[in-house]
C-alpha atoms as a PDB file:
ATOM      1  CA  MET A   1     -41.132 147.605 189.830  1.00  0.00           C
ATOM      2  CA  LEU A   2     -42.618 149.506 192.803  1.00  0.00           C
ATOM      3  CA  ALA A   3     -42.902 148.602 196.307  1.00  0.00           C
ATOM      4  CA  VAL A   4     -46.117 146.775 196.054  1.00  0.00           C
ATOM      5  CA  GLY A   5     -44.802 144.360 193.286  1.00  0.00           C
ATOM      6  CA  HIS A   6     -41.602 143.863 195.170  1.00  0.00           C
ATOM      7  CA  LEU A   7     -43.412 142.910 198.490  1.00  0.00           C
ATOM      8  CA  ALA A   8     -46.005 140.895 196.603  1.00  0.00           C
ATOM      9  CA  ILE A   9     -43.339 138.713 194.851  1.00  0.00           C
ATOM     10  CA  GLY A  10     -40.961 138.297 197.758  1.00  0.00           C
ATOM     11  CA  TYR A  11     -43.789 137.141 199.784  1.00  0.00           C
ATOM     12  CA  ILE A  12     -44.878 134.421 197.223  1.00  0.00           C
ATOM     13  CA  THR A  13     -41.603 133.489 195.988  1.00  0.00           C
ATOM     14  CA  SER A  14     -40.348 133.047 199.782  1.00  0.00           C
ATOM     15  CA  LYS A  15     -43.609 130.992 200.756  1.00  0.00           C
ATOM     16  CA  ALA A  16     -42.945 128.834 197.816  1.00  0.00           C
ATOM     17  CA  ALA A  17     -39.425 128.022 198.872  1.00  0.00           C
ATOM     18  CA  ARG A  18     -40.538 127.554 202.342  1.00  0.00           C
ATOM     19  CA  ARG A  19     -43.270 125.056 201.396  1.00  0.00           C
ATOM     20  CA  ALA A  20     -40.752 123.308 199.057  1.00  0.00           C
ATOM     21  CA  LEU A  21     -38.112 123.074 201.890  1.00  0.00           C
ATOM     22  CA  LYS A  22     -40.678 122.591 204.637  1.00  0.00           C
ATOM     23  CA  THR A  23     -39.353 125.272 206.819  1.00  0.00           C
ATOM     24  CA  LYS A  24     -41.041 128.396 208.882  1.00  0.00           C
ATOM     25  CA  ILE A  25     -40.376 131.783 207.834  1.00  0.00           C
ATOM     26  CA  ASN A  26     -40.742 135.343 209.589  1.00  0.00           C
ATOM     27  CA  LEU A  27     -43.057 137.028 207.494  1.00  0.00           C
ATOM     28  CA  PRO A  28     -41.971 140.920 208.730  1.00  0.00           C
ATOM     29  CA  LEU A  29     -38.419 139.739 208.048  1.00  0.00           C
ATOM     30  CA  ILE A  30     -39.433 138.558 204.431  1.00  0.00           C
ATOM     31  CA  PHE A  31     -41.384 141.584 203.613  1.00  0.00           C
ATOM     32  CA  LEU A  32     -38.102 143.875 204.876  1.00  0.00           C
ATOM     33  CA  LEU A  33     -35.762 141.608 202.661  1.00  0.00           C
ATOM     34  CA  SER A  34     -38.050 142.313 199.640  1.00  0.00           C
ATOM     35  CA  LEU A  35     -37.415 145.923 199.644  1.00  0.00           C
ATOM     36  CA  ILE A  36     -34.042 145.992 201.197  1.00  0.00           C
ATOM     37  CA  PRO A  37     -31.970 146.433 197.753  1.00  0.00           C
ATOM     38  CA  ASP A  38     -33.766 149.727 197.320  1.00  0.00           C
ATOM     39  CA  VAL A  39     -31.775 151.127 200.053  1.00  0.00           C
ATOM     40  CA  ASP A  40     -29.548 152.628 197.434  1.00  0.00           C
ATOM     41  CA  LEU A  41     -32.193 155.447 196.950  1.00  0.00           C
ATOM     42  CA  LEU A  42     -31.385 156.960 200.310  1.00  0.00           C
ATOM     43  CA  TRP A  43     -28.042 157.577 198.844  1.00  0.00           C
ATOM     44  CA  PRO A  44     -28.493 160.128 195.871  1.00  0.00           C
ATOM     45  CA  ALA A  45     -24.801 160.048 194.864  1.00  0.00           C
ATOM     46  CA  HIS A  46     -25.227 156.158 193.970  1.00  0.00           C
ATOM     47  CA  VAL A  47     -26.571 154.970 190.740  1.00  0.00           C
ATOM     48  CA  HIS A  48     -30.079 153.291 191.638  1.00  0.00           C
ATOM     49  CA  ARG A  49     -30.153 149.331 190.904  1.00  0.00           C
ATOM     50  CA  GLY A  50     -26.523 149.135 191.106  1.00  0.00           C
ATOM     51  CA  PRO A  51     -24.232 147.128 193.642  1.00  0.00           C
ATOM     52  CA  THR A  52     -27.375 146.790 196.025  1.00  0.00           C
ATOM     53  CA  HIS A  53     -29.346 144.988 193.238  1.00  0.00           C
ATOM     54  CA  SER A  54     -26.344 142.465 192.579  1.00  0.00           C
ATOM     55  CA  ILE A  55     -27.132 138.769 192.861  1.00  0.00           C
ATOM     56  CA  VAL A  56     -23.223 138.254 193.456  1.00  0.00           C
ATOM     57  CA  ILE A  57     -23.243 140.532 196.438  1.00  0.00           C
ATOM     58  CA  ALA A  58     -26.551 139.088 197.829  1.00  0.00           C
ATOM     59  CA  THR A  59     -24.928 135.817 197.702  1.00  0.00           C
ATOM     60  CA  LEU A  60     -21.536 136.711 199.328  1.00  0.00           C
ATOM     61  CA  ILE A  61     -23.763 138.193 202.275  1.00  0.00           C
ATOM     62  CA  PHE A  62     -25.939 135.241 202.576  1.00  0.00           C
ATOM     63  CA  LEU A  63     -22.999 132.820 202.749  1.00  0.00           C
ATOM     64  CA  PRO A  64     -22.685 132.938 206.525  1.00  0.00           C
ATOM     65  CA  ALA A  65     -26.501 132.217 206.784  1.00  0.00           C
ATOM     66  CA  PHE A  66     -26.340 129.337 204.265  1.00  0.00           C
ATOM     67  CA  VAL A  67     -23.598 127.937 206.417  1.00  0.00           C
ATOM     68  CA  LYS A  68     -25.223 128.346 209.924  1.00  0.00           C
ATOM     69  CA  TYR A  69     -29.087 128.122 209.088  1.00  0.00           C
ATOM     70  CA  ARG A  70     -28.653 125.976 205.744  1.00  0.00           C
ATOM     71  CA  LYS A  71     -32.377 125.376 203.927  1.00  0.00           C
ATOM     72  CA  THR A  72     -34.025 127.643 206.545  1.00  0.00           C
ATOM     73  CA  SER A  73     -32.030 130.658 205.096  1.00  0.00           C
ATOM     74  CA  ILE A  74     -33.278 129.981 201.664  1.00  0.00           C
ATOM     75  CA  PRO A  75     -36.689 131.420 201.780  1.00  0.00           C
ATOM     76  CA  TYR A  76     -35.123 134.648 203.156  1.00  0.00           C
ATOM     77  CA  PHE A  77     -32.495 134.800 200.061  1.00  0.00           C
ATOM     78  CA  VAL A  78     -35.295 134.129 197.655  1.00  0.00           C
ATOM     79  CA  ALA A  79     -36.998 137.300 199.196  1.00  0.00           C
ATOM     80  CA  LEU A  80     -33.899 139.328 198.688  1.00  0.00           C
ATOM     81  CA  VAL A  81     -32.685 138.328 195.231  1.00  0.00           C
ATOM     82  CA  GLN A  82     -36.320 138.404 193.514  1.00  0.00           C
ATOM     83  CA  HIS A  83     -36.284 142.055 194.121  1.00  0.00           C
ATOM     84  CA  SER A  84     -33.517 142.218 191.365  1.00  0.00           C
ATOM     85  CA  LEU A  85     -34.026 138.901 189.567  1.00  0.00           C
ATOM     86  CA  ILE A  86     -37.898 139.313 188.844  1.00  0.00           C
ATOM     87  CA  GLY A  87     -38.971 142.647 189.767  1.00  0.00           C
ATOM     88  CA  ASP A  88     -36.551 144.998 188.324  1.00  0.00           C
ATOM     89  CA  LEU A  89     -35.317 142.550 185.555  1.00  0.00           C
ATOM     90  CA  PHE A  90     -39.056 142.890 184.144  1.00  0.00           C
ATOM     91  CA  ALA A  91     -40.326 146.655 185.356  1.00  0.00           C
ATOM     92  CA  GLY A  92     -38.085 149.462 185.353  1.00  0.00           C
ATOM     93  CA  ASP A  93     -34.640 150.226 183.654  1.00  0.00           C
ATOM     94  CA  GLY A  94     -32.714 147.019 184.703  1.00  0.00           C
ATOM     95  CA  ALA A  95     -30.230 146.332 187.352  1.00  0.00           C
ATOM     96  CA  LYS A  96     -26.320 145.513 187.483  1.00  0.00           C
ATOM     97  CA  LEU A  97     -27.173 142.039 188.545  1.00  0.00           C
ATOM     98  CA  LEU A  98     -23.560 140.530 188.093  1.00  0.00           C
ATOM     99  CA  TRP A  99     -21.659 143.492 189.857  1.00  0.00           C
ATOM    100  CA  PRO A 100     -18.599 143.462 190.397  1.00  0.00           C
ATOM    101  CA  ILE A 101     -18.081 140.806 187.573  1.00  0.00           C
ATOM    102  CA  THR A 102     -19.627 143.171 185.219  1.00  0.00           C
ATOM    103  CA  ASN A 103     -21.069 146.513 185.108  1.00  0.00           C
ATOM    104  CA  SER A 104     -23.706 145.614 182.680  1.00  0.00           C
ATOM    105  CA  TRP A 105     -27.074 146.335 183.182  1.00  0.00           C
ATOM    106  CA  TYR A 106     -29.786 143.541 182.460  1.00  0.00           C
ATOM    107  CA  GLY A 107     -33.618 144.275 182.133  1.00  0.00           C
ATOM    108  CA  GLN A 108     -36.414 144.365 179.718  1.00  0.00           C
ATOM    109  CA  GLY A 109     -36.958 148.039 179.735  1.00  0.00           C
ATOM    110  CA  LEU A 110     -40.605 147.999 180.628  1.00  0.00           C
ATOM    111  CA  SER A 111     -41.460 151.363 181.865  1.00  0.00           C
ATOM    112  CA  MET A 112     -42.613 150.941 185.686  1.00  0.00           C
ATOM    113  CA  THR A 113     -45.752 153.333 184.769  1.00  0.00           C
ATOM    114  CA  SER A 114     -46.671 151.592 181.678  1.00  0.00           C
ATOM    115  CA  PRO A 115     -50.165 149.833 181.614  1.00  0.00           C
ATOM    116  CA  GLU A 116     -48.461 146.349 181.404  1.00  0.00           C
ATOM    117  CA  ALA A 117     -46.100 147.045 184.500  1.00  0.00           C
ATOM    118  CA  ILE A 118     -49.242 148.353 186.307  1.00  0.00           C
ATOM    119  CA  LEU A 119     -51.203 145.045 185.590  1.00  0.00           C
ATOM    120  CA  LEU A 120     -48.243 143.145 186.582  1.00  0.00           C
ATOM    121  CA  GLU A 121     -48.222 144.828 189.933  1.00  0.00           C
ATOM    122  CA  TRP A 122     -51.906 144.399 190.502  1.00  0.00           C
ATOM    123  CA  LEU A 123     -51.412 140.614 189.479  1.00  0.00           C
ATOM    124  CA  CYS A 124     -48.723 140.184 192.166  1.00  0.00           C
ATOM    125  CA  PHE A 125     -50.637 142.208 194.897  1.00  0.00           C
ATOM    126  CA  GLY A 126     -53.719 140.091 194.167  1.00  0.00           C
ATOM    127  CA  SER A 127     -52.129 136.954 194.157  1.00  0.00           C
ATOM    128  CA  ALA A 128     -50.129 137.852 197.239  1.00  0.00           C
ATOM    129  CA  LEU A 129     -53.331 139.084 199.131  1.00  0.00           C
ATOM    130  CA  ILE A 130     -55.086 135.698 198.083  1.00  0.00           C
ATOM    131  CA  ILE A 131     -52.224 133.757 199.529  1.00  0.00           C
ATOM    132  CA  LEU A 132     -52.082 135.844 202.792  1.00  0.00           C
ATOM    133  CA  THR A 133     -55.590 135.367 203.376  1.00  0.00           C
ATOM    134  CA  LEU A 134     -55.971 131.601 202.531  1.00  0.00           C
ATOM    135  CA  SER A 135     -52.768 130.539 204.363  1.00  0.00           C
ATOM    136  CA  HIS A 136     -54.005 132.768 207.639  1.00  0.00           C
ATOM    137  CA  ASP A 137     -50.737 134.687 207.369  1.00  0.00           C
ATOM    138  CA  ILE A 138     -52.951 137.979 207.780  1.00  0.00           C
ATOM    139  CA  ARG A 139     -53.631 136.592 211.173  1.00  0.00           C
ATOM    140  CA  VAL A 140     -50.049 135.928 211.723  1.00  0.00           C
ATOM    141  CA  LEU A 141     -49.103 139.392 210.957  1.00  0.00           C
ATOM    142  CA  LEU A 142     -51.721 140.733 213.057  1.00  0.00           C
ATOM    143  CA  LYS A 143     -50.609 138.892 216.401  1.00  0.00           C
ATOM    144  CA  PRO A 144     -48.347 141.045 218.687  1.00  0.00           C
ATOM    145  CA  ASP A 145     -44.799 140.177 218.065  1.00  0.00           C
ATOM    146  CA  LYS A 146     -41.587 141.991 218.371  1.00  0.00           C
ATOM    147  CA  ALA A 147     -40.660 141.103 214.816  1.00  0.00           C
ATOM    148  CA  ASN A 148     -43.335 143.175 213.576  1.00  0.00           C
ATOM    149  CA  LEU A 149     -41.286 146.009 214.314  1.00  0.00           C
ATOM    150  CA  LEU A 150     -39.233 145.141 211.144  1.00  0.00           C
ATOM    151  CA  LEU A 151     -42.127 146.147 209.194  1.00  0.00           C
ATOM    152  CA  THR A 152     -41.330 149.884 210.116  1.00  0.00           C
ATOM    153  CA  ILE A 153     -38.928 149.919 207.138  1.00  0.00           C
ATOM    154  CA  PRO A 154     -41.427 148.532 204.167  1.00  0.00           C
ATOM    155  CA  ALA A 155     -44.257 150.804 205.940  1.00  0.00           C
ATOM    156  CA  GLY A 156     -41.906 153.866 205.770  1.00  0.00           C
ATOM    157  CA  ALA A 157     -40.873 153.249 202.056  1.00  0.00           C
ATOM    158  CA  ILE A 158     -44.534 152.871 201.135  1.00  0.00           C
ATOM    159  CA  PHE A 159     -45.553 156.104 202.848  1.00  0.00           C
ATOM    160  CA  LEU A 160     -42.542 157.988 201.482  1.00  0.00           C
ATOM    161  CA  SER A 161     -43.300 156.691 197.732  1.00  0.00           C
ATOM    162  CA  ALA A 162     -46.952 156.490 197.744  1.00  0.00           C
ATOM    163  CA  ILE A 163     -48.238 159.268 199.610  1.00  0.00           C
ATOM    164  CA  LEU A 164     -45.320 161.473 199.623  1.00  0.00           C
ATOM    165  CA  GLY A 165     -44.187 160.891 196.221  1.00  0.00           C
ATOM    166  CA  ILE A 166     -40.235 160.489 197.426  1.00  0.00           C
ATOM    167  CA  GLY A 167     -38.021 158.326 195.654  1.00  0.00           C
ATOM    168  CA  TYR A 168     -40.340 156.474 192.747  1.00  0.00           C
ATOM    169  CA  ARG A 169     -43.677 158.057 193.062  1.00  0.00           C
ATOM    170  CA  ALA A 170     -46.503 155.234 192.822  1.00  0.00           C
ATOM    171  CA  PRO A 171     -48.911 156.229 189.963  1.00  0.00           C
ATOM    172  CA  MET A 172     -52.528 156.590 191.183  1.00  0.00           C
ATOM    173  CA  ALA A 173     -53.439 153.491 189.801  1.00  0.00           C
ATOM    174  CA  LEU A 174     -51.598 151.552 192.428  1.00  0.00           C
ATOM    175  CA  LEU A 175     -52.483 153.916 195.194  1.00  0.00           C
ATOM    176  CA  ILE A 176     -55.153 151.017 196.679  1.00  0.00           C
ATOM    177  CA  PRO A 177     -52.496 148.474 196.898  1.00  0.00           C
ATOM    178  CA  HIS A 178     -49.953 150.568 198.570  1.00  0.00           C
ATOM    179  CA  LEU A 179     -52.602 151.580 200.925  1.00  0.00           C
ATOM    180  CA  VAL A 180     -53.539 147.879 201.730  1.00  0.00           C
ATOM    181  CA  PHE A 181     -50.077 146.965 202.353  1.00  0.00           C
ATOM    182  CA  LEU A 182     -49.359 149.972 204.523  1.00  0.00           C
ATOM    183  CA  THR A 183     -52.428 149.559 206.604  1.00  0.00           C
ATOM    184  CA  LEU A 184     -51.560 145.724 207.120  1.00  0.00           C
ATOM    185  CA  PHE A 185     -48.070 146.811 208.437  1.00  0.00           C
ATOM    186  CA  ALA A 186     -49.363 149.677 210.437  1.00  0.00           C
ATOM    187  CA  LEU A 187     -51.725 147.238 212.315  1.00  0.00           C
ATOM    188  CA  SER A 188     -48.881 144.634 212.627  1.00  0.00           C
ATOM    189  CA  ILE A 189     -46.779 147.006 214.422  1.00  0.00           C
ATOM    190  CA  LEU A 190     -49.637 148.752 216.390  1.00  0.00           C
ATOM    191  CA  SER A 191     -50.639 145.109 217.670  1.00  0.00           C
ATOM    192  CA  PHE A 192     -47.218 144.785 219.139  1.00  0.00           C
ATOM    193  CA  LEU A 193     -46.799 148.120 220.404  1.00  0.00           C
ATOM    194  CA  ARG A 194     -50.219 147.871 222.021  1.00  0.00           C
ATOM    195  CA  ARG A 195     -49.312 144.590 223.817  1.00  0.00           C
ATOM    196  CA  SER A 196     -46.090 146.291 225.031  1.00  0.00           C
ATOM    197  CA  VAL A 197     -47.713 149.409 226.501  1.00  0.00           C
ATOM    198  CA  PHE A 198     -50.346 147.610 228.494  1.00  0.00           C
ATOM    199  CA  LYS A 199     -47.930 144.949 229.515  1.00  0.00           C
ATOM    200  CA  THR A 200     -45.840 147.120 231.528  1.00  0.00           C
END
């Protein structure tokens, strides 16, 4: 799955977990965690969708957060693991979900540029946009907050893939959803920077 799908599903699933658990979430952190497994794209020598996509590794990393923050940490864990468990399991070449227990790849083998995958990304994006609007989370993202700087990484990932074609180039059919997320994240970052500049 491409950035748009990961961001959308990460937001939707963590929002559902937040609602079920009656906790609060930091939206910029949710969006960051939704893409963080793809950090392996920065190391060309590593196999993409290997250890950074492992549910075993994600669980081990989150153990201290589970102990300290208990149910409050669950929406963030959901945002992280949905990347592999939903996104890359259904659209892409699969992932090493259980590494290091096994080196097996798990996935449906649906090409990320197939019409079905593009439709899935659009459906996820549309659903996320509706929820962002109806829940007023767009307004929350546009409030000046230092946490908005976390969106620099997802914005950079979208810019590199959708605009520059670095990593996995987003097909033209998904350019609009990528640009919508990029614009939202850029406005969120700028709202904090503008407040910081005018405050001093």
